[in-house]
Amino acid sequence: MSKLLRNLLLVSPAILGLAMSSSVVAQTATDNTQLLNQLNNYSREGNSNSVNQVTNVNQLRDVSPTDWAYEALRSLVDRYGCIAGYPNQTYRGNRALSRYEFAAGLNSCLNQIERLIASSEAVLREDIDTINRLTQEFEAELAALGGRIDSIESRTAFLEDHQFSTTTKLEGEVVFGIAQEFNYDNQVVFQDRVRLSFVSSFTGKDALYTRLDASNAGTFNGIDTGAFTYQTSDSDNDVGIGWLAYYFPIGDKIDVYLPAVFPLWVDFVPSVSPYLDSFTGATGSLSSFGESSPIYKIGLASGGGIGINVNPIDMVTVSAGFFGGDTFNPDDDTDGGLFNEEYSVLGQVTVNLLDDKLQLAATYVNGQFSPNTGDNNIFDLGVGTVNARQPLGEFRKVSVNAYGVAASYQFGTRLAINAFGMYADADAAEGRGSDSEIWSYGLALAFPDLLKEGSLGGVIIGAEPYEGEDDDLPIHVEGFYKYQLNDHISITPGVIWIQAPNGDNDEDDAFIGVVRTTFTF
């Protein structure tokens, strides 16, 4: 058969539920532009419907069998079973069929008869004559379809020849933030952060993430708490490796996370904070504290480690991980090495109930932090007072045991409630010394699709990590509304108020305003 028929075979399965009416057949083809417009409109319809084979045109109830072309095609369909219809045996209600749609169905029969001839099966002579007559009647529509397929094939070949990689795709996030803190002599700032991730897959089930970061987004002067999610570092917009990690499964119930640079616990551990946690991205909460429980920000390393999720049953996830503090440094005097002085380990059990609407989690973290690796901070990413981050001062090695619980419940698709509580006990890792108790807790409301699909409203109230004896409560109150302008751009105005931002009620409260714009691709 002709090249045209072979080309038409590529698209005939996508043109579903063909029927016909006399008013459609009587239409006269005008030009190829109109026909291609019909194709564009038609191709967007019915994409979510499955199809079953229909072997009789009469099964398509909304078709009026009054034209010779209908009668001819009905005869072909009855004999060769070459038209597909929707499971409810209708074509989109009472919608009139275009000449183009009829031609697409005709093409299905052309292909069916071509296959029969190729397999040496008998085809009646009168059916071949009918096919010839119908082909002449719809020549313009068939030609337009063939031309479109040629164009698609040409563009596909070009993309295949010029694609970046068959295994790697590019993901990106760019953040612009205009913000000011009003009570601690901070000026209005315009900050940015850029992340470009190369995501590679070699088996279809694994993923290698290589992320490049650049930022000038430093935190505000004079306050310890209230850092934004995008204020994770100020590198003067120098480009560097921001994350390097590999995910892969073992069987059906085990997933492995293998990070080499700057891992996060929430990279693999369920954080039980739907909608608000964007994993230090800029599409959820404004603040780092508002993302999820601060227990997930204990012991984040600059080096590597390993994480494992096990699903013994569908409703339960058991997570375990180890992060080394300075894994790439071989110097023993500065506590380098994979299994030397600085480390953190995490274990968590997460339970999903009520069709995943209710999530419960219990978490344990043990860590040791040394000033020899740069600092002995317990918490990273801008959460907690100085006394909480360095409870025994900046020059002592600290051992920590932390315990946390978290829960979330989603009320339909418009409201989610998240809550967490955390307690940590910090002791001197070497010799005798004082210990310290650290607390944090919070409650958050998330309103997905508020006013517009993809948008998000959020209210967060809680106490950032504080030292129980020396700190006053650093109460954190946050409100924001992310307006999803389109699939790739969101604009998020919001405010943060913090009582005793440095753990001292004698100091001023902090009041922060921000407008965050996030570009994703």
Protein backbone atom coordinates (compact mmCIF):
# COMPACT_ATOMS: atom_id res chain seq x y z
CA MET A 1 0.00 0.00 0.00
CA SER A 2 1.03 3.65 -0.29
CA LYS A 3 3.25 5.59 2.08
CA LEU A 4 0.20 7.68 2.93
CA LEU A 5 -1.56 4.63 4.35
CA ARG A 6 1.50 3.67 6.36
CA ASN A 7 1.68 7.19 7.78
CA LEU A 8 -2.01 7.18 8.60
CA LEU A 9 -1.56 3.96 10.53
CA LEU A 10 0.51 5.88 13.10
CA VAL A 11 -2.38 8.09 14.13
CA SER A 12 -5.46 6.00 13.51
CA PRO A 13 -5.43 4.44 17.02
CA ALA A 14 -5.54 7.94 18.51
CA ILE A 15 -8.67 8.94 16.56
CA LEU A 16 -11.37 7.16 18.53
CA GLY A 17 -15.04 6.45 18.35
CA LEU A 18 -15.66 7.29 14.71
CA ALA A 19 -19.24 7.55 13.46
CA MET A 20 -20.83 9.64 10.77
CA SER A 21 -23.82 11.70 9.77
CA SER A 22 -25.16 12.89 6.42
CA SER A 23 -24.64 16.53 7.34
CA VAL A 24 -20.96 15.83 7.91
CA VAL A 25 -20.42 13.95 4.69
CA ALA A 26 -22.15 16.72 2.75
CA GLN A 27 -19.63 19.29 3.93
CA THR A 28 -17.11 20.44 1.36
CA ALA A 29 -13.40 20.54 2.25
CA THR A 30 -12.08 24.07 2.03
CA ASP A 31 -8.37 24.05 2.70
CA ASN A 32 -5.77 22.13 4.70
CA THR A 33 -5.54 24.82 7.39
CA GLN A 34 -9.14 24.26 8.44
CA LEU A 35 -8.62 20.52 8.50
CA LEU A 36 -5.54 20.78 10.66
CA ASN A 37 -7.44 23.04 13.06
CA GLN A 38 -10.04 20.30 13.34
CA LEU A 39 -7.27 17.84 14.12
CA ASN A 40 -5.87 20.06 16.85
CA ASN A 41 -9.27 20.45 18.49
CA TYR A 42 -10.14 16.80 18.16
CA SER A 43 -6.80 15.51 19.47
CA ARG A 44 -7.39 17.27 22.80
CA GLU A 45 -10.65 15.46 23.40
CA GLY A 46 -11.19 12.13 25.06
CA ASN A 47 -7.57 11.70 26.20
CA SER A 48 -8.64 10.24 29.56
CA ASN A 49 -10.96 7.60 28.13
CA SER A 50 -10.04 4.00 27.52
CA VAL A 51 -11.29 2.33 24.34
CA ASN A 52 -12.74 -1.05 23.44
CA GLN A 53 -13.13 -2.47 19.96
CA VAL A 54 -16.54 -1.90 18.35
CA THR A 55 -17.48 -4.25 15.54
CA ASN A 56 -20.70 -2.62 14.35
CA VAL A 57 -21.32 1.02 13.48
CA ASN A 58 -24.83 0.71 14.95
CA GLN A 59 -23.17 0.36 18.36
CA LEU A 60 -22.24 4.05 18.17
CA ARG A 61 -25.72 5.21 19.14
CA ASP A 62 -25.36 8.92 18.45
CA VAL A 63 -24.60 8.50 14.70
CA SER A 64 -27.33 9.07 12.04
CA PRO A 65 -26.97 6.44 9.32
CA THR A 66 -28.45 8.37 6.38
CA ASP A 67 -25.62 8.85 3.89
CA TRP A 68 -24.13 6.53 1.28
CA ALA A 69 -20.71 6.96 2.89
CA TYR A 70 -22.14 5.88 6.23
CA GLU A 71 -23.73 2.83 4.63
CA ALA A 72 -20.48 1.99 2.88
CA LEU A 73 -18.37 2.33 6.00
CA ARG A 74 -20.93 0.41 8.07
CA SER A 75 -20.58 -2.47 5.66
CA LEU A 76 -16.80 -2.41 6.02
CA VAL A 77 -16.96 -2.18 9.81
CA ASP A 78 -19.47 -5.02 10.04
CA ARG A 79 -17.23 -7.22 7.91
CA TYR A 80 -13.75 -6.25 9.17
CA GLY A 81 -14.29 -4.74 12.66
CA CYS A 82 -12.11 -1.69 12.05
CA ILE A 83 -13.59 1.17 14.14
CA ALA A 84 -12.94 1.80 17.84
CA GLY A 85 -15.47 3.44 20.15
CA TYR A 86 -15.76 4.52 23.76
CA PRO A 87 -16.86 2.02 26.43
CA ASN A 88 -20.28 3.70 26.75
CA GLN A 89 -20.76 3.23 22.99
CA THR A 90 -21.27 6.94 22.34
CA TYR A 91 -19.11 9.59 20.78
CA ARG A 92 -18.94 12.56 23.18
CA GLY A 93 -22.73 12.92 23.48
CA ASN A 94 -24.54 14.36 20.42
CA ARG A 95 -21.52 16.05 18.92
CA ALA A 96 -21.58 16.35 15.13
CA LEU A 97 -18.74 14.63 13.32
CA SER A 98 -16.42 16.51 11.00
CA ARG A 99 -15.26 15.26 7.61
CA TYR A 100 -11.80 14.94 9.11
CA GLU A 101 -13.01 12.62 11.87
CA PHE A 102 -14.81 10.51 9.29
CA ALA A 103 -11.63 10.31 7.20
CA ALA A 104 -9.66 9.19 10.22
CA GLY A 105 -12.08 6.32 10.77
CA LEU A 106 -11.94 5.47 7.11
CA ASN A 107 -8.20 5.24 7.49
CA SER A 108 -8.67 2.60 10.21
CA CYS A 109 -10.51 0.43 7.72
CA LEU A 110 -7.87 1.08 5.07
CA ASN A 111 -5.21 -0.18 7.46
CA GLN A 112 -7.28 -3.20 8.46
CA ILE A 113 -7.81 -4.23 4.87
CA GLU A 114 -4.14 -3.63 4.11
CA ARG A 115 -3.18 -6.03 6.91
CA LEU A 116 -5.58 -8.66 5.59
CA ILE A 117 -4.15 -8.40 2.08
CA ALA A 118 -0.59 -8.59 3.46
CA SER A 119 -1.48 -11.80 5.32
CA SER A 120 -3.04 -13.28 2.15
CA GLU A 121 -6.56 -13.26 3.54
CA ALA A 122 -9.50 -12.81 1.17
CA VAL A 123 -10.97 -9.33 0.66
CA LEU A 124 -14.05 -8.89 -1.46
CA ARG A 125 -13.61 -7.03 -4.76
CA GLU A 126 -16.61 -4.81 -4.06
CA ASP A 127 -15.04 -3.77 -0.73
CA ILE A 128 -11.89 -2.67 -2.53
CA ASP A 129 -14.05 -0.64 -4.92
CA THR A 130 -15.87 0.92 -1.96
CA ILE A 131 -12.54 1.82 -0.34
CA ASN A 132 -11.37 3.46 -3.58
CA ARG A 133 -14.52 5.56 -3.83
CA LEU A 134 -14.38 6.64 -0.18
CA THR A 135 -10.67 7.48 -0.55
CA GLN A 136 -11.44 9.74 -3.50
CA GLU A 137 -14.31 11.42 -1.61
CA PHE A 138 -12.05 12.24 1.36
CA GLU A 139 -8.81 12.78 -0.52
CA ALA A 140 -8.22 16.29 0.88
CA GLU A 141 -8.72 15.19 4.49
CA LEU A 142 -6.44 12.17 4.10
CA ALA A 143 -3.77 14.32 2.47
CA ALA A 144 -3.91 16.82 5.32
CA LEU A 145 -3.49 14.03 7.83
CA GLY A 146 -0.56 12.60 5.93
CA GLY A 147 1.12 16.00 5.74
CA ARG A 148 0.79 16.46 9.48
CA ILE A 149 2.34 13.07 10.15
CA ASP A 150 5.26 13.88 7.86
CA SER A 151 5.81 17.10 9.84
CA ILE A 152 5.66 15.26 13.16
CA GLU A 153 8.13 12.65 11.91
CA SER A 154 10.50 15.38 10.75
CA ARG A 155 10.36 17.23 14.07
CA THR A 156 10.79 14.00 16.01
CA ALA A 157 13.88 13.12 14.01
CA PHE A 158 15.31 16.59 14.64
CA LEU A 159 14.73 16.31 18.39
CA GLU A 160 16.33 12.87 18.50
CA ASP A 161 19.38 14.16 16.63
CA HIS A 162 19.77 17.25 18.84
CA GLN A 163 18.67 16.04 22.26
CA PHE A 164 20.97 16.73 25.18
CA SER A 165 20.94 13.17 26.49
CA THR A 166 18.84 10.04 26.27
CA THR A 167 19.24 9.46 30.01
CA THR A 168 19.27 12.97 31.55
CA LYS A 169 16.73 15.76 31.91
CA LEU A 170 17.19 19.27 33.31
CA GLU A 171 15.13 20.65 36.20
CA GLY A 172 15.48 24.16 37.56
CA GLU A 173 14.31 26.59 40.21
CA VAL A 174 15.07 30.30 40.29
CA VAL A 175 13.99 32.45 43.24
CA PHE A 176 13.78 36.24 43.50
CA GLY A 177 12.99 37.60 46.95
CA ILE A 178 12.33 41.17 48.09
CA ALA A 179 12.27 41.28 51.89
CA GLN A 180 12.89 43.40 54.96
CA GLU A 181 13.19 42.85 58.70
CA PHE A 182 11.91 45.99 60.44
CA ASN A 183 13.17 46.00 64.04
CA TYR A 184 16.87 45.13 63.87
CA ASP A 185 18.30 47.78 61.53
CA ASN A 186 18.03 45.66 58.40
CA GLN A 187 17.56 47.21 54.98
CA VAL A 188 15.29 46.08 52.17
CA VAL A 189 17.08 43.37 50.20
CA PHE A 190 16.62 41.87 46.76
CA GLN A 191 18.07 38.37 46.85
CA ASP A 192 18.25 35.43 44.48
CA ARG A 193 18.97 31.74 44.43
CA VAL A 194 19.39 29.48 41.38
CA ARG A 195 19.29 25.68 41.30
CA LEU A 196 19.87 23.56 38.19
CA SER A 197 19.48 19.80 38.56
CA PHE A 198 20.57 17.18 36.07
CA VAL A 199 18.44 14.11 36.72
CA SER A 200 19.74 10.93 35.11
CA SER A 201 18.18 7.48 35.01
CA PHE A 202 19.95 4.37 33.79
CA THR A 203 17.38 1.65 34.50
CA GLY A 204 14.11 3.62 34.53
CA LYS A 205 13.74 3.04 38.28
CA ASP A 206 16.84 4.84 39.56
CA ALA A 207 17.76 8.55 39.62
CA LEU A 208 21.10 10.33 39.85
CA TYR A 209 20.77 13.99 40.94
CA THR A 210 23.57 16.43 40.17
CA ARG A 211 22.58 19.93 41.28
CA LEU A 212 24.39 23.22 40.74
CA ASP A 213 23.60 26.09 43.12
CA ALA A 214 24.30 29.82 43.17
CA SER A 215 22.94 32.31 45.69
CA ASN A 216 23.41 35.67 47.34
CA ALA A 217 20.62 35.09 49.89
CA GLY A 218 22.09 35.57 53.34
CA THR A 219 20.03 35.80 56.55
CA PHE A 220 19.07 39.02 58.33
CA ASN A 221 21.41 40.66 60.82
CA GLY A 222 20.68 40.66 64.53
CA ILE A 223 18.24 37.73 64.71
CA ASP A 224 18.96 34.02 65.06
CA THR A 225 15.65 32.65 63.81
CA GLY A 226 13.24 33.18 60.91
CA ALA A 227 15.45 32.27 57.94
CA PHE A 228 13.67 31.79 54.62
CA THR A 229 13.93 28.47 52.80
CA TYR A 230 15.99 30.10 50.07
CA GLN A 231 18.37 31.77 52.55
CA THR A 232 20.40 28.62 52.95
CA SER A 233 23.71 30.23 51.98
CA ASP A 234 25.36 33.32 50.53
CA SER A 235 27.95 32.27 47.97
CA ASP A 236 28.10 35.66 46.16
CA ASN A 237 26.37 33.84 43.30
CA ASP A 238 29.38 31.62 42.72
CA VAL A 239 28.31 28.32 41.19
CA GLY A 240 29.02 25.14 43.10
CA ILE A 241 27.75 21.63 43.71
CA GLY A 242 24.66 21.94 45.89
CA TRP A 243 23.63 18.29 45.99
CA LEU A 244 24.84 15.00 44.58
CA ALA A 245 22.88 11.83 45.30
CA TYR A 246 21.73 8.54 43.80
CA TYR A 247 18.42 6.76 44.40
CA PHE A 248 17.84 3.12 43.50
CA PRO A 249 15.49 0.29 44.56
CA ILE A 250 16.30 -3.16 45.85
CA GLY A 251 13.34 -5.34 44.99
CA ASP A 252 9.84 -4.01 45.57
CA LYS A 253 10.06 -3.02 49.23
CA ILE A 254 13.45 -1.33 49.70
CA ASP A 255 14.60 2.06 48.37
CA VAL A 256 18.17 3.26 48.87
CA TYR A 257 19.40 6.87 49.04
CA LEU A 258 23.14 7.35 48.51
CA PRO A 259 24.22 11.00 48.91
CA ALA A 260 27.76 12.27 48.36
CA VAL A 261 27.31 16.03 49.01
CA PHE A 262 24.98 18.06 51.28
CA PRO A 263 22.27 15.51 52.10
CA LEU A 264 18.98 16.21 53.89
CA TRP A 265 17.00 13.74 55.97
CA VAL A 266 13.85 14.75 54.11
CA ASP A 267 15.49 13.68 50.87
CA PHE A 268 14.26 10.21 51.73
CA VAL A 269 12.44 10.31 55.10
CA PRO A 270 8.70 11.22 55.03
CA SER A 271 8.48 14.61 56.77
CA VAL A 272 4.72 14.38 57.52
CA SER A 273 4.16 17.94 56.32
CA PRO A 274 2.13 17.89 53.11
CA TYR A 275 2.16 21.04 50.96
CA LEU A 276 4.47 23.05 53.27
CA ASP A 277 7.69 21.06 52.90
CA SER A 278 9.45 21.80 49.62
CA PHE A 279 12.78 20.35 50.82
CA THR A 280 14.58 23.73 51.06
CA GLY A 281 12.90 24.74 47.79
CA ALA A 282 10.75 27.84 47.38
CA THR A 283 7.28 26.50 46.60
CA GLY A 284 6.00 25.73 50.11
CA SER A 285 6.40 27.63 53.38
CA LEU A 286 8.35 30.87 53.53
CA SER A 287 10.57 29.88 56.43
CA SER A 288 12.87 26.96 57.05
CA PHE A 289 11.16 26.39 60.40
CA GLY A 290 7.74 26.26 58.71
CA GLU A 291 8.66 23.42 56.36
CA SER A 292 8.57 20.56 58.88
CA SER A 293 9.84 19.49 62.30
CA PRO A 294 13.33 20.83 63.13
CA ILE A 295 14.37 17.29 64.03
CA TYR A 296 14.98 16.79 60.31
CA LYS A 297 17.54 19.61 60.39
CA ILE A 298 19.73 17.97 63.04
CA GLY A 299 23.06 16.70 61.77
CA LEU A 300 22.89 17.71 58.12
CA ALA A 301 26.31 17.07 56.67
CA SER A 302 28.53 18.50 53.99
CA GLY A 303 29.73 14.98 53.24
CA GLY A 304 28.01 11.76 52.33
CA GLY A 305 26.11 8.89 53.89
CA ILE A 306 23.31 6.44 53.20
CA GLY A 307 19.56 6.22 53.74
CA ILE A 308 17.13 3.32 53.40
CA ASN A 309 13.34 3.11 53.31
CA VAL A 310 11.69 -0.25 53.87
CA ASN A 311 7.97 -0.92 53.35
CA PRO A 312 7.16 -4.15 55.20
CA ILE A 313 3.47 -3.50 54.48
CA ASP A 314 1.80 -0.81 52.38
CA MET A 315 0.80 1.39 55.31
CA VAL A 316 4.18 1.39 57.11
CA THR A 317 7.53 2.92 56.11
CA VAL A 318 10.65 2.26 58.19
CA SER A 319 13.47 4.74 57.52
CA ALA A 320 17.08 4.62 58.66
CA GLY A 321 20.10 6.68 57.70
CA PHE A 322 23.67 7.71 58.47
CA PHE A 323 25.35 11.00 57.55
CA GLY A 324 29.07 11.59 58.08
CA GLY A 325 30.08 15.11 58.97
CA ASP A 326 33.35 15.36 57.02
CA THR A 327 33.46 12.21 54.93
CA PHE A 328 35.72 13.55 52.18
CA ASN A 329 38.46 14.75 54.57
CA PRO A 330 41.13 12.11 55.41
CA ASP A 331 42.72 14.21 58.20
CA ASP A 332 42.22 12.51 61.56
CA ASP A 333 43.28 15.63 63.50
CA THR A 334 40.30 17.57 62.14
CA ASP A 335 37.84 14.70 62.70
CA GLY A 336 37.68 13.78 59.03
CA GLY A 337 36.72 10.44 57.55
CA LEU A 338 33.56 8.46 57.04
CA PHE A 339 33.37 6.91 60.52
CA ASN A 340 35.27 9.36 62.68
CA GLU A 341 34.18 11.91 65.25
CA GLU A 342 31.26 13.75 63.64
CA TYR A 343 28.18 11.88 62.48
CA SER A 344 24.39 11.67 62.77
CA VAL A 345 22.02 8.70 62.51
CA LEU A 346 18.24 8.72 62.14
CA GLY A 347 15.48 6.17 62.52
CA GLN A 348 11.78 6.75 61.85
CA VAL A 349 8.57 4.76 61.58
CA THR A 350 5.81 6.34 59.49
CA VAL A 351 2.26 5.02 59.39
CA ASN A 352 -0.31 6.01 56.74
CA LEU A 353 -3.96 5.50 57.61
CA LEU A 354 -7.39 6.33 56.16
CA ASP A 355 -6.26 6.12 52.53
CA ASP A 356 -3.14 8.16 53.36
CA LYS A 357 -5.17 11.08 54.71
CA LEU A 358 -3.71 10.52 58.18
CA GLN A 359 0.06 10.28 58.67
CA LEU A 360 1.83 9.54 61.95
CA ALA A 361 5.58 9.44 62.55
CA ALA A 362 7.97 8.77 65.43
CA THR A 363 11.59 9.83 64.93
CA TYR A 364 14.91 9.34 66.73
CA VAL A 365 18.19 11.10 65.90
CA ASN A 366 21.57 10.57 67.50
CA GLY A 367 24.53 12.71 66.59
CA GLN A 368 27.93 13.99 67.57
CA PHE A 369 29.16 17.41 66.45
CA SER A 370 32.68 18.76 66.59
CA PRO A 371 34.10 22.28 66.28
CA ASN A 372 37.04 20.75 64.41
CA THR A 373 34.88 20.36 61.29
CA GLY A 374 34.04 24.08 61.15
CA ASP A 375 31.30 24.41 63.77
CA ASN A 376 29.46 22.24 66.26
CA ASN A 377 25.95 23.36 65.34
CA ILE A 378 23.25 20.83 66.13
CA PHE A 379 20.66 22.43 63.83
CA ASP A 380 21.28 23.66 60.31
CA LEU A 381 19.43 25.76 57.73
CA GLY A 382 18.65 28.70 60.00
CA VAL A 383 16.37 27.24 62.67
CA GLY A 384 16.73 27.69 66.41
CA THR A 385 18.38 30.13 68.77
CA VAL A 386 22.15 30.20 69.31
CA ASN A 387 21.71 28.37 72.62
CA ALA A 388 19.76 25.63 70.83
CA ARG A 389 22.27 25.30 68.01
CA GLN A 390 25.33 25.42 70.29
CA PRO A 391 24.04 24.51 73.76
CA LEU A 392 27.51 23.95 75.26
CA GLY A 393 29.26 26.79 73.46
CA GLU A 394 31.12 26.86 70.20
CA PHE A 395 34.30 25.08 71.34
CA ARG A 396 33.05 21.79 72.76
CA LYS A 397 32.18 18.52 71.09
CA VAL A 398 28.48 17.78 71.65
CA SER A 399 26.54 14.51 71.73
CA VAL A 400 22.77 14.68 71.08
CA ASN A 401 19.81 12.35 71.43
CA ALA A 402 16.63 13.76 69.90
CA TYR A 403 13.07 12.44 69.87
CA GLY A 404 10.20 13.65 67.75
CA VAL A 405 6.59 12.93 66.89
CA ALA A 406 4.58 14.35 64.01
CA ALA A 407 1.11 13.99 62.54
CA SER A 408 -0.83 15.34 59.59
CA TYR A 409 -4.41 15.01 58.43
CA GLN A 410 -5.88 16.08 55.10
CA PHE A 411 -9.51 17.17 55.08
CA GLY A 412 -10.43 16.47 51.49
CA THR A 413 -8.42 18.47 48.97
CA ARG A 414 -8.71 21.93 50.53
CA LEU A 415 -7.25 21.71 54.03
CA ALA A 416 -4.37 19.93 55.74
CA ILE A 417 -3.30 20.18 59.39
CA ASN A 418 0.27 19.40 60.45
CA ALA A 419 1.64 19.21 63.99
CA PHE A 420 4.97 18.20 65.53
CA GLY A 421 6.85 18.10 68.82
CA MET A 422 10.57 17.60 69.45
CA TYR A 423 12.82 17.13 72.49
CA ALA A 424 16.62 16.83 72.40
CA ASP A 425 19.13 16.13 75.14
CA ALA A 426 22.65 17.48 74.52
CA ASP A 427 25.73 16.46 76.53
CA ALA A 428 29.46 16.98 76.33
CA ALA A 429 30.88 14.24 74.14
CA GLU A 430 34.22 14.22 75.91
CA GLY A 431 34.86 14.48 79.64
CA ARG A 432 32.41 15.79 82.18
CA GLY A 433 30.26 18.80 81.57
CA SER A 434 26.80 20.26 81.68
CA ASP A 435 23.92 18.97 79.64
CA SER A 436 21.14 20.88 77.92
CA GLU A 437 17.49 20.27 77.02
CA ILE A 438 16.16 21.62 73.75
CA TRP A 439 12.49 21.88 72.77
CA SER A 440 10.46 22.77 69.71
CA TYR A 441 6.84 22.35 68.63
CA GLY A 442 4.42 23.70 66.09
CA LEU A 443 1.05 23.59 64.37
CA ALA A 444 0.34 24.48 60.75
CA LEU A 445 -2.64 24.83 58.43
CA ALA A 446 -2.24 24.45 54.68
CA PHE A 447 -4.92 25.47 52.16
CA PRO A 448 -4.08 23.91 48.77
CA ASP A 449 -5.72 25.29 45.61
CA LEU A 450 -6.90 28.35 47.53
CA LEU A 451 -8.73 30.67 45.09
CA LYS A 452 -6.90 29.07 42.16
CA GLU A 453 -5.67 25.60 41.27
CA GLY A 454 -2.02 25.21 42.25
CA SER A 455 -2.07 28.08 44.72
CA LEU A 456 -1.43 27.59 48.44
CA GLY A 457 -2.27 29.43 51.64
CA GLY A 458 -0.48 28.68 54.90
CA VAL A 459 -0.49 29.61 58.59
CA ILE A 460 2.25 28.34 60.91
CA ILE A 461 2.51 28.83 64.68
CA GLY A 462 5.14 27.30 66.91
CA ALA A 463 8.29 27.63 68.99
CA GLU A 464 11.58 27.44 67.14
CA PRO A 465 14.20 25.22 68.85
CA TYR A 466 15.20 26.79 72.17
CA GLU A 467 17.29 25.84 75.19
CA GLY A 468 14.94 25.04 78.06
CA GLU A 469 16.80 26.80 80.90
CA ASP A 470 18.43 29.82 79.25
CA ASP A 471 16.04 30.84 76.47
CA ASP A 472 12.68 32.56 76.50
CA LEU A 473 10.17 31.14 74.04
CA PRO A 474 10.97 32.18 70.44
CA ILE A 475 7.35 32.09 69.24
CA HIS A 476 7.16 31.98 65.44
CA VAL A 477 3.97 33.08 63.60
CA GLU A 478 3.91 32.94 59.81
CA GLY A 479 1.29 33.59 57.16
CA PHE A 480 1.64 33.46 53.38
CA TYR A 481 -0.27 33.02 50.15
CA LYS A 482 1.38 31.49 47.11
CA TYR A 483 -0.42 32.58 43.96
CA GLN A 484 0.29 30.17 41.10
CA LEU A 485 0.46 32.50 38.12
CA ASN A 486 0.93 29.62 35.67
CA ASP A 487 2.58 26.21 35.58
CA HIS A 488 6.05 27.70 35.99
CA ILE A 489 5.73 30.94 38.00
CA SER A 490 4.40 31.58 41.51
CA ILE A 491 4.34 34.77 43.57
CA THR A 492 4.25 34.46 47.36
CA PRO A 493 3.73 37.45 49.65
CA GLY A 494 3.87 36.79 53.38
CA VAL A 495 4.86 37.94 56.85
CA ILE A 496 6.72 36.39 59.79
CA TRP A 497 6.54 37.64 63.38
CA ILE A 498 8.88 36.20 66.00
CA GLN A 499 8.74 36.91 69.71
CA ALA A 500 12.20 36.75 71.33
CA PRO A 501 13.97 35.84 68.08
CA ASN A 502 17.24 35.39 70.01
CA GLY A 503 15.63 33.70 73.00
CA ASP A 504 15.45 36.90 75.06
CA ASN A 505 12.14 38.64 75.81
CA ASP A 506 13.99 41.85 76.71
CA GLU A 507 14.90 42.30 73.06
CA ASP A 508 12.57 43.51 70.32
CA ASP A 509 10.33 41.15 68.44
CA ALA A 510 11.27 40.50 64.82
CA PHE A 511 8.86 41.41 62.02
CA ILE A 512 9.69 40.28 58.50
CA GLY A 513 7.88 40.95 55.23
CA VAL A 514 8.67 39.26 51.93
CA VAL A 515 7.48 38.85 48.36
CA ARG A 516 8.96 35.69 46.86
CA THR A 517 8.81 34.89 43.16
CA THR A 518 9.66 31.36 42.11
CA PHE A 519 10.35 30.14 38.58
CA THR A 520 10.38 26.37 38.03
CA PHE A 521 11.06 24.35 34.92
